[in-house]
Amino acid sequence: MSAPLINADAIVRAVMDAGPESIRVFVRRRMHCPGCVMSSFITVAEAAASYAIETEDLIHDQRTAVAAVAARDGS
């Protein structure tokens, strides 16, 4: 998943499937999204709100993680 496709309206499961490195961001923030059955139904914004995390901060961290792997892999 390219970093711009990670946005507030993206489904959490789609973000994790397209960019597995994003799972570490959820874990680091102590979010249970990687193991949650609701991850297929909620957006990044909804997940952030349920953990009282600023949506833009979460999106920034997700995009940074994806970009770092892409840069390392030369994609």
C-alpha atoms as a PDB file:
ATOM      1  CA  MET A   1       0.000   0.000   0.000  1.00  0.00           C
ATOM      2  CA  SER A   2       1.409   3.356  -0.853  1.00  0.00           C
ATOM      3  CA  ALA A   3       1.581   5.834   1.972  1.00  0.00           C
ATOM      4  CA  PRO A   4      -1.031   8.239   0.502  1.00  0.00           C
ATOM      5  CA  LEU A   5      -3.621   5.425   0.546  1.00  0.00           C
ATOM      6  CA  ILE A   6      -3.343   5.295   4.301  1.00  0.00           C
ATOM      7  CA  ASN A   7      -5.947   7.791   5.360  1.00  0.00           C
ATOM      8  CA  ALA A   8      -8.676   8.276   7.932  1.00  0.00           C
ATOM      9  CA  ASP A   9     -11.225   6.394   5.818  1.00  0.00           C
ATOM     10  CA  ALA A  10      -9.035   3.358   5.097  1.00  0.00           C
ATOM     11  CA  ILE A  11     -10.195   0.084   6.634  1.00  0.00           C
ATOM     12  CA  VAL A  12      -7.725  -1.081   9.270  1.00  0.00           C
ATOM     13  CA  ARG A  13      -7.496  -4.653   7.906  1.00  0.00           C
ATOM     14  CA  ALA A  14      -6.774  -3.316   4.399  1.00  0.00           C
ATOM     15  CA  VAL A  15      -3.958  -1.172   5.781  1.00  0.00           C
ATOM     16  CA  MET A  16      -2.417  -4.147   7.591  1.00  0.00           C
ATOM     17  CA  ASP A  17      -2.836  -6.492   4.621  1.00  0.00           C
ATOM     18  CA  ALA A  18      -1.325  -4.071   2.135  1.00  0.00           C
ATOM     19  CA  GLY A  19       1.479  -2.908   4.408  1.00  0.00           C
ATOM     20  CA  PRO A  20       2.335  -5.530   7.032  1.00  0.00           C
ATOM     21  CA  GLU A  21       4.883  -3.150   8.545  1.00  0.00           C
ATOM     22  CA  SER A  22       1.907  -1.100   9.755  1.00  0.00           C
ATOM     23  CA  ILE A  23       1.123  -3.853  12.269  1.00  0.00           C
ATOM     24  CA  ARG A  24       4.121  -2.752  14.318  1.00  0.00           C
ATOM     25  CA  VAL A  25       2.674   0.739  14.554  1.00  0.00           C
ATOM     26  CA  PHE A  26      -0.562  -0.595  16.052  1.00  0.00           C
ATOM     27  CA  VAL A  27       1.363  -2.799  18.481  1.00  0.00           C
ATOM     28  CA  ARG A  28       3.751  -0.011  19.484  1.00  0.00           C
ATOM     29  CA  ARG A  29       0.731   2.179  20.267  1.00  0.00           C
ATOM     30  CA  ARG A  30      -0.783  -0.697  22.280  1.00  0.00           C
ATOM     31  CA  MET A  31      -3.725  -0.999  19.912  1.00  0.00           C
ATOM     32  CA  HIS A  32      -5.232  -4.462  19.557  1.00  0.00           C
ATOM     33  CA  CYS A  33      -6.139  -3.981  15.890  1.00  0.00           C
ATOM     34  CA  PRO A  34      -3.906  -6.792  14.566  1.00  0.00           C
ATOM     35  CA  GLY A  35      -5.908  -9.407  16.479  1.00  0.00           C
ATOM     36  CA  CYS A  36      -9.300  -7.741  16.470  1.00  0.00           C
ATOM     37  CA  VAL A  37     -12.190  -9.140  14.435  1.00  0.00           C
ATOM     38  CA  MET A  38     -13.493  -5.588  13.992  1.00  0.00           C
ATOM     39  CA  SER A  39     -10.394  -4.564  12.012  1.00  0.00           C
ATOM     40  CA  SER A  40     -12.193  -5.632   8.829  1.00  0.00           C
ATOM     41  CA  PHE A  41     -14.998  -3.193   9.511  1.00  0.00           C
ATOM     42  CA  ILE A  42     -13.575  -0.069  11.126  1.00  0.00           C
ATOM     43  CA  THR A  43     -11.630   2.787   9.656  1.00  0.00           C
ATOM     44  CA  VAL A  44      -8.307   4.102  10.824  1.00  0.00           C
ATOM     45  CA  ALA A  45     -10.115   7.143  12.236  1.00  0.00           C
ATOM     46  CA  GLU A  46     -12.549   4.968  14.198  1.00  0.00           C
ATOM     47  CA  ALA A  47      -9.720   2.833  15.583  1.00  0.00           C
ATOM     48  CA  ALA A  48      -7.773   5.918  16.599  1.00  0.00           C
ATOM     49  CA  ALA A  49     -10.821   7.381  18.323  1.00  0.00           C
ATOM     50  CA  SER A  50     -11.487   4.178  20.236  1.00  0.00           C
ATOM     51  CA  TYR A  51      -7.964   4.384  21.693  1.00  0.00           C
ATOM     52  CA  ALA A  52      -8.059   8.171  22.217  1.00  0.00           C
ATOM     53  CA  ILE A  53      -5.247   8.642  19.705  1.00  0.00           C
ATOM     54  CA  GLU A  54      -5.086  11.571  17.310  1.00  0.00           C
ATOM     55  CA  THR A  55      -6.005  10.232  13.862  1.00  0.00           C
ATOM     56  CA  GLU A  56      -3.392  12.326  12.069  1.00  0.00           C
ATOM     57  CA  ASP A  57      -0.665  11.079  14.416  1.00  0.00           C
ATOM     58  CA  LEU A  58      -1.590   7.461  13.711  1.00  0.00           C
ATOM     59  CA  ILE A  59      -1.734   8.092   9.960  1.00  0.00           C
ATOM     60  CA  HIS A  60       1.657   9.801  10.077  1.00  0.00           C
ATOM     61  CA  ASP A  61       3.206   6.845  11.893  1.00  0.00           C
ATOM     62  CA  GLN A  62       1.624   4.381   9.458  1.00  0.00           C
ATOM     63  CA  ARG A  63       2.834   6.308   6.413  1.00  0.00           C
ATOM     64  CA  THR A  64       6.316   6.635   7.884  1.00  0.00           C
ATOM     65  CA  ALA A  65       6.528   2.876   8.495  1.00  0.00           C
ATOM     66  CA  VAL A  66       5.405   2.063   4.936  1.00  0.00           C
ATOM     67  CA  ALA A  67       7.762   4.640   3.412  1.00  0.00           C
ATOM     68  CA  ALA A  68      10.722   3.349   5.415  1.00  0.00           C
ATOM     69  CA  VAL A  69      10.239  -0.184   4.145  1.00  0.00           C
ATOM     70  CA  ALA A  70       9.709   1.031   0.579  1.00  0.00           C
ATOM     71  CA  ALA A  71      12.912   3.081   0.763  1.00  0.00           C
ATOM     72  CA  ARG A  72      14.863   0.178   2.215  1.00  0.00           C
ATOM     73  CA  ASP A  73      13.542  -2.235  -0.424  1.00  0.00           C
ATOM     74  CA  GLY A  74      14.009   0.278  -3.225  1.00  0.00           C
ATOM     75  CA  SER A  75      10.318   0.251  -4.189  1.00  0.00           C
END
